[in-house]
Amino acid sequence: MTNKKQETRNKKRFWIHIPHSLVIGNWKLAVRSRGFTLLLAALVASIALSLGTSIYEIAQREVALSSIGRDSQFAFYAADTAAECALYWDNRFNYFSTSTPSTSASCDGQTLSISGRSNSYVPTSTMTFEISLFTDTISGGYCADVSVQKGIDQSTGAVRTLITANGYSVSCATIQTATNALQRTVQLQY
């Protein structure tokens, strides 16, 4: 073969012919719809992005709700602990009576500072104290304020007691300024 014929044959070998339709397996793709793949890819990407964004927003709300639930539990535990402390000292040592007790009460390692002690239960006498519970360096602890109200039942003449404990999900020092403080109340009546 001559050199010129060889050269022509080589050119034909590397020549790419673009038909009006492209057949791949059982699929026939017309040349005029070649941009369809790009459109389909953009559509699938936008659907995946919107699904991902929706899942992220739902997860974010779930985290917020679970932290509220956790804080609510801590506030309830603080209220329950403080109410049980007041109940213990009242039942065991009659600590919230009209006379000043000889011993000092303590809960969770803290001495209770009672205010509002009265000389009589008529009509009612209300004593209060505040206590910091479960203190640690990370959370700062939790606060509870307790009100012990004693009065004489007019029908029976017996002394009636109402203990109201308010527990907070924040420390006593930050109750007034904390925006995320939750309060739970426990009442005991006997």
C-alpha atoms as a PDB file:
ATOM      1  CA  MET A   1       0.000   0.000   0.000  1.00  0.00           C
ATOM      2  CA  THR A   2       1.046   3.420  -0.634  1.00  0.00           C
ATOM      3  CA  ASN A   3       1.701   5.867   2.008  1.00  0.00           C
ATOM      4  CA  LYS A   4      -1.240   8.049   1.036  1.00  0.00           C
ATOM      5  CA  LYS A   5      -3.745   5.184   1.207  1.00  0.00           C
ATOM      6  CA  GLN A   6      -2.384   4.179   4.602  1.00  0.00           C
ATOM      7  CA  GLU A   7      -2.863   7.703   5.861  1.00  0.00           C
ATOM      8  CA  THR A   8      -6.462   7.826   4.609  1.00  0.00           C
ATOM      9  CA  ARG A   9      -7.252   4.518   6.290  1.00  0.00           C
ATOM     10  CA  ASN A  10      -5.816   5.769   9.613  1.00  0.00           C
ATOM     11  CA  LYS A  11      -7.943   8.880   9.414  1.00  0.00           C
ATOM     12  CA  LYS A  12     -11.063   6.806   8.844  1.00  0.00           C
ATOM     13  CA  ARG A  13     -10.252   4.653  11.833  1.00  0.00           C
ATOM     14  CA  PHE A  14     -10.271   7.606  14.230  1.00  0.00           C
ATOM     15  CA  TRP A  15     -13.184   9.371  12.648  1.00  0.00           C
ATOM     16  CA  ILE A  16     -16.195   9.624  14.987  1.00  0.00           C
ATOM     17  CA  HIS A  17     -19.529   9.545  13.307  1.00  0.00           C
ATOM     18  CA  ILE A  18     -22.451  11.053  15.297  1.00  0.00           C
ATOM     19  CA  PRO A  19     -25.723   9.502  14.205  1.00  0.00           C
ATOM     20  CA  HIS A  20     -29.138  11.101  14.690  1.00  0.00           C
ATOM     21  CA  SER A  21     -29.920   8.547  17.371  1.00  0.00           C
ATOM     22  CA  LEU A  22     -27.688   6.675  19.784  1.00  0.00           C
ATOM     23  CA  VAL A  23     -28.467   3.053  20.656  1.00  0.00           C
ATOM     24  CA  ILE A  24     -27.185   1.690  23.956  1.00  0.00           C
ATOM     25  CA  GLY A  25     -28.392  -1.799  24.738  1.00  0.00           C
ATOM     26  CA  ASN A  26     -32.189  -1.672  24.501  1.00  0.00           C
ATOM     27  CA  TRP A  27     -32.265   2.102  24.895  1.00  0.00           C
ATOM     28  CA  LYS A  28     -32.454   4.410  21.955  1.00  0.00           C
ATOM     29  CA  LEU A  29     -31.502   8.003  22.769  1.00  0.00           C
ATOM     30  CA  ALA A  30     -32.114  10.644  20.162  1.00  0.00           C
ATOM     31  CA  VAL A  31     -29.428  13.247  19.644  1.00  0.00           C
ATOM     32  CA  ARG A  32     -31.875  16.077  20.328  1.00  0.00           C
ATOM     33  CA  SER A  33     -32.512  14.766  23.923  1.00  0.00           C
ATOM     34  CA  ARG A  34     -28.911  14.473  25.059  1.00  0.00           C
ATOM     35  CA  GLY A  35     -29.402  17.222  27.743  1.00  0.00           C
ATOM     36  CA  PHE A  36     -32.090  15.121  29.419  1.00  0.00           C
ATOM     37  CA  THR A  37     -29.474  13.321  31.529  1.00  0.00           C
ATOM     38  CA  LEU A  38     -28.271  16.591  32.995  1.00  0.00           C
ATOM     39  CA  LEU A  39     -31.840  17.637  33.772  1.00  0.00           C
ATOM     40  CA  LEU A  40     -32.549  14.280  35.429  1.00  0.00           C
ATOM     41  CA  ALA A  41     -29.383  14.537  37.524  1.00  0.00           C
ATOM     42  CA  ALA A  42     -30.343  18.047  38.673  1.00  0.00           C
ATOM     43  CA  LEU A  43     -33.833  16.843  39.574  1.00  0.00           C
ATOM     44  CA  VAL A  44     -32.538  13.892  41.604  1.00  0.00           C
ATOM     45  CA  ALA A  45     -29.985  16.136  43.374  1.00  0.00           C
ATOM     46  CA  SER A  46     -32.644  18.685  44.331  1.00  0.00           C
ATOM     47  CA  ILE A  47     -34.938  15.953  45.691  1.00  0.00           C
ATOM     48  CA  ALA A  48     -32.074  14.482  47.726  1.00  0.00           C
ATOM     49  CA  LEU A  49     -31.159  17.934  49.053  1.00  0.00           C
ATOM     50  CA  SER A  50     -34.737  18.716  50.112  1.00  0.00           C
ATOM     51  CA  LEU A  51     -35.045  15.317  51.838  1.00  0.00           C
ATOM     52  CA  GLY A  52     -31.749  15.858  53.638  1.00  0.00           C
ATOM     53  CA  THR A  53     -32.804  19.330  54.782  1.00  0.00           C
ATOM     54  CA  SER A  54     -36.131  18.009  56.060  1.00  0.00           C
ATOM     55  CA  ILE A  55     -34.460  15.202  57.999  1.00  0.00           C
ATOM     56  CA  TYR A  56     -31.986  17.671  59.518  1.00  0.00           C
ATOM     57  CA  GLU A  57     -34.786  20.004  60.672  1.00  0.00           C
ATOM     58  CA  ILE A  58     -36.731  17.120  62.223  1.00  0.00           C
ATOM     59  CA  ALA A  59     -33.611  15.898  64.037  1.00  0.00           C
ATOM     60  CA  GLN A  60     -32.930  19.412  65.307  1.00  0.00           C
ATOM     61  CA  ARG A  61     -36.464  19.670  66.757  1.00  0.00           C
ATOM     62  CA  GLU A  62     -36.140  16.233  68.357  1.00  0.00           C
ATOM     63  CA  VAL A  63     -32.920  17.277  70.092  1.00  0.00           C
ATOM     64  CA  ALA A  64     -34.620  20.424  71.432  1.00  0.00           C
ATOM     65  CA  LEU A  65     -37.591  18.408  72.717  1.00  0.00           C
ATOM     66  CA  SER A  66     -35.376  15.828  74.394  1.00  0.00           C
ATOM     67  CA  SER A  67     -33.370  18.527  76.180  1.00  0.00           C
ATOM     68  CA  ILE A  68     -36.620  20.061  77.455  1.00  0.00           C
ATOM     69  CA  GLY A  69     -37.681  16.626  78.702  1.00  0.00           C
ATOM     70  CA  ARG A  70     -34.334  16.137  80.439  1.00  0.00           C
ATOM     71  CA  ASP A  71     -34.533  19.564  82.122  1.00  0.00           C
ATOM     72  CA  SER A  72     -38.104  18.839  83.192  1.00  0.00           C
ATOM     73  CA  GLN A  73     -36.960  15.620  84.861  1.00  0.00           C
ATOM     74  CA  PHE A  74     -34.189  17.436  86.733  1.00  0.00           C
ATOM     75  CA  ALA A  75     -36.672  20.068  87.951  1.00  0.00           C
ATOM     76  CA  PHE A  76     -39.037  17.329  89.133  1.00  0.00           C
ATOM     77  CA  TYR A  77     -36.221  15.470  90.928  1.00  0.00           C
ATOM     78  CA  ALA A  78     -35.219  18.697  92.697  1.00  0.00           C
ATOM     79  CA  ALA A  79     -38.824  19.352  93.810  1.00  0.00           C
ATOM     80  CA  ASP A  80     -39.339  15.753  94.936  1.00  0.00           C
ATOM     81  CA  THR A  81     -36.063  15.669  96.879  1.00  0.00           C
ATOM     82  CA  ALA A  82     -36.835  18.939  98.661  1.00  0.00           C
ATOM     83  CA  ALA A  83     -40.406  17.836  99.502  1.00  0.00           C
ATOM     84  CA  GLU A  84     -39.141  14.520 100.883  1.00  0.00           C
ATOM     85  CA  CYS A  85     -36.554  16.363 102.957  1.00  0.00           C
ATOM     86  CA  ALA A  86     -39.209  18.620 104.493  1.00  0.00           C
ATOM     87  CA  LEU A  87     -41.487  15.621 105.108  1.00  0.00           C
ATOM     88  CA  TYR A  88     -38.661  13.720 106.806  1.00  0.00           C
ATOM     89  CA  TRP A  89     -37.773  16.563 109.156  1.00  0.00           C
ATOM     90  CA  ASP A  90     -41.396  17.318 109.966  1.00  0.00           C
ATOM     91  CA  ASN A  91     -42.466  13.722 110.648  1.00  0.00           C
ATOM     92  CA  ARG A  92     -39.294  12.569 112.362  1.00  0.00           C
ATOM     93  CA  PHE A  93     -38.355  15.620 114.426  1.00  0.00           C
ATOM     94  CA  ASN A  94     -41.453  17.906 114.254  1.00  0.00           C
ATOM     95  CA  TYR A  95     -39.063  20.464 112.816  1.00  0.00           C
ATOM     96  CA  PHE A  96     -41.730  22.825 111.460  1.00  0.00           C
ATOM     97  CA  SER A  97     -43.615  23.204 114.743  1.00  0.00           C
ATOM     98  CA  THR A  98     -44.399  26.507 116.438  1.00  0.00           C
ATOM     99  CA  SER A  99     -41.424  26.219 118.770  1.00  0.00           C
ATOM    100  CA  THR A 100     -37.887  26.662 117.543  1.00  0.00           C
ATOM    101  CA  PRO A 101     -36.242  23.233 117.253  1.00  0.00           C
ATOM    102  CA  SER A 102     -33.090  22.471 119.180  1.00  0.00           C
ATOM    103  CA  THR A 103     -31.365  20.764 116.257  1.00  0.00           C
ATOM    104  CA  SER A 104     -30.627  22.174 112.836  1.00  0.00           C
ATOM    105  CA  ALA A 105     -32.014  20.347 109.817  1.00  0.00           C
ATOM    106  CA  SER A 106     -29.914  19.521 106.792  1.00  0.00           C
ATOM    107  CA  CYS A 107     -30.628  18.125 103.360  1.00  0.00           C
ATOM    108  CA  ASP A 108     -28.073  17.114 100.774  1.00  0.00           C
ATOM    109  CA  GLY A 109     -25.333  18.312 103.120  1.00  0.00           C
ATOM    110  CA  GLN A 110     -26.790  21.822 103.531  1.00  0.00           C
ATOM    111  CA  THR A 111     -28.220  23.305 106.700  1.00  0.00           C
ATOM    112  CA  LEU A 112     -31.764  24.554 106.167  1.00  0.00           C
ATOM    113  CA  SER A 113     -32.381  28.210 106.896  1.00  0.00           C
ATOM    114  CA  ILE A 114     -36.076  28.482 107.792  1.00  0.00           C
ATOM    115  CA  SER A 115     -37.911  31.784 107.497  1.00  0.00           C
ATOM    116  CA  GLY A 116     -41.453  32.608 108.595  1.00  0.00           C
ATOM    117  CA  ARG A 117     -41.624  30.510 111.786  1.00  0.00           C
ATOM    118  CA  SER A 118     -44.693  31.510 113.810  1.00  0.00           C
ATOM    119  CA  ASN A 119     -45.759  31.028 117.418  1.00  0.00           C
ATOM    120  CA  SER A 120     -49.157  29.619 116.445  1.00  0.00           C
ATOM    121  CA  TYR A 121     -50.917  27.778 113.650  1.00  0.00           C
ATOM    122  CA  VAL A 122     -53.988  30.027 113.744  1.00  0.00           C
ATOM    123  CA  PRO A 123     -55.164  30.504 111.059  1.00  0.00           C
ATOM    124  CA  THR A 124     -52.064  29.152 109.285  1.00  0.00           C
ATOM    125  CA  SER A 125     -48.322  29.375 109.622  1.00  0.00           C
ATOM    126  CA  THR A 126     -46.057  29.252 106.567  1.00  0.00           C
ATOM    127  CA  MET A 127     -42.351  28.486 106.782  1.00  0.00           C
ATOM    128  CA  THR A 128     -40.064  28.532 103.756  1.00  0.00           C
ATOM    129  CA  PHE A 129     -36.549  27.493 102.833  1.00  0.00           C
ATOM    130  CA  GLU A 130     -34.450  27.238  99.679  1.00  0.00           C
ATOM    131  CA  ILE A 131     -31.940  24.522  98.928  1.00  0.00           C
ATOM    132  CA  SER A 132     -29.405  23.862  96.157  1.00  0.00           C
ATOM    133  CA  LEU A 133     -29.428  20.221  95.090  1.00  0.00           C
ATOM    134  CA  PHE A 134     -27.164  17.975  93.061  1.00  0.00           C
ATOM    135  CA  THR A 135     -24.506  20.664  92.757  1.00  0.00           C
ATOM    136  CA  ASP A 136     -21.625  19.993  90.397  1.00  0.00           C
ATOM    137  CA  THR A 137     -19.186  22.023  88.342  1.00  0.00           C
ATOM    138  CA  ILE A 138     -20.836  21.325  84.981  1.00  0.00           C
ATOM    139  CA  SER A 139     -24.515  22.137  85.553  1.00  0.00           C
ATOM    140  CA  GLY A 140     -24.136  24.285  88.670  1.00  0.00           C
ATOM    141  CA  GLY A 141     -26.824  22.223  90.344  1.00  0.00           C
ATOM    142  CA  TYR A 142     -30.546  22.596  90.669  1.00  0.00           C
ATOM    143  CA  CYS A 143     -32.644  24.683  93.003  1.00  0.00           C
ATOM    144  CA  ALA A 144     -35.748  24.028  95.057  1.00  0.00           C
ATOM    145  CA  ASP A 145     -37.760  26.329  97.268  1.00  0.00           C
ATOM    146  CA  VAL A 146     -40.068  24.765  99.822  1.00  0.00           C
ATOM    147  CA  SER A 147     -43.081  26.143 101.628  1.00  0.00           C
ATOM    148  CA  VAL A 148     -44.422  24.292 104.679  1.00  0.00           C
ATOM    149  CA  GLN A 149     -47.874  25.528 105.626  1.00  0.00           C
ATOM    150  CA  LYS A 150     -49.405  24.358 108.901  1.00  0.00           C
ATOM    151  CA  GLY A 151     -52.883  25.102 110.147  1.00  0.00           C
ATOM    152  CA  ILE A 152     -55.544  23.740 112.464  1.00  0.00           C
ATOM    153  CA  ASP A 153     -58.425  21.860 110.837  1.00  0.00           C
ATOM    154  CA  GLN A 154     -61.575  23.509 112.207  1.00  0.00           C
ATOM    155  CA  SER A 155     -63.671  20.309 112.039  1.00  0.00           C
ATOM    156  CA  THR A 156     -61.218  17.925 113.741  1.00  0.00           C
ATOM    157  CA  GLY A 157     -58.873  20.249 115.613  1.00  0.00           C
ATOM    158  CA  ALA A 158     -55.877  18.397 114.143  1.00  0.00           C
ATOM    159  CA  VAL A 159     -52.831  20.112 112.708  1.00  0.00           C
ATOM    160  CA  ARG A 160     -52.867  19.916 108.893  1.00  0.00           C
ATOM    161  CA  THR A 161     -49.696  20.290 106.851  1.00  0.00           C
ATOM    162  CA  LEU A 162     -49.221  21.257 103.214  1.00  0.00           C
ATOM    163  CA  ILE A 163     -45.704  21.010 101.789  1.00  0.00           C
ATOM    164  CA  THR A 164     -45.213  22.700  98.421  1.00  0.00           C
ATOM    165  CA  ALA A 165     -41.830  22.219  96.764  1.00  0.00           C
ATOM    166  CA  ASN A 166     -40.926  24.049  93.551  1.00  0.00           C
ATOM    167  CA  GLY A 167     -37.981  22.497  91.723  1.00  0.00           C
ATOM    168  CA  TYR A 168     -36.032  24.302  89.014  1.00  0.00           C
ATOM    169  CA  SER A 169     -33.807  23.013  86.233  1.00  0.00           C
ATOM    170  CA  VAL A 170     -31.180  25.679  86.981  1.00  0.00           C
ATOM    171  CA  SER A 171     -29.154  26.699  90.008  1.00  0.00           C
ATOM    172  CA  CYS A 172     -30.569  29.018  92.679  1.00  0.00           C
ATOM    173  CA  ALA A 173     -28.288  31.846  91.583  1.00  0.00           C
ATOM    174  CA  THR A 174     -29.594  31.832  87.999  1.00  0.00           C
ATOM    175  CA  ILE A 175     -33.362  31.344  88.446  1.00  0.00           C
ATOM    176  CA  GLN A 176     -34.199  35.000  87.761  1.00  0.00           C
ATOM    177  CA  THR A 177     -31.920  35.381  84.724  1.00  0.00           C
ATOM    178  CA  ALA A 178     -32.079  31.964  83.018  1.00  0.00           C
ATOM    179  CA  THR A 179     -34.276  31.904  79.923  1.00  0.00           C
ATOM    180  CA  ASN A 180     -34.467  28.105  79.835  1.00  0.00           C
ATOM    181  CA  ALA A 181     -35.439  27.514  83.483  1.00  0.00           C
ATOM    182  CA  LEU A 182     -38.183  24.942  83.959  1.00  0.00           C
ATOM    183  CA  GLN A 183     -40.207  24.624  87.154  1.00  0.00           C
ATOM    184  CA  ARG A 184     -41.957  21.551  88.480  1.00  0.00           C
ATOM    185  CA  THR A 185     -44.043  21.501  91.673  1.00  0.00           C
ATOM    186  CA  VAL A 186     -44.681  18.683  94.140  1.00  0.00           C
ATOM    187  CA  GLN A 187     -47.298  19.014  96.893  1.00  0.00           C
ATOM    188  CA  LEU A 188     -47.683  16.797  99.930  1.00  0.00           C
ATOM    189  CA  GLN A 189     -50.683  17.126 102.208  1.00  0.00           C
ATOM    190  CA  TYR A 190     -51.307  15.305 105.472  1.00  0.00           C
END
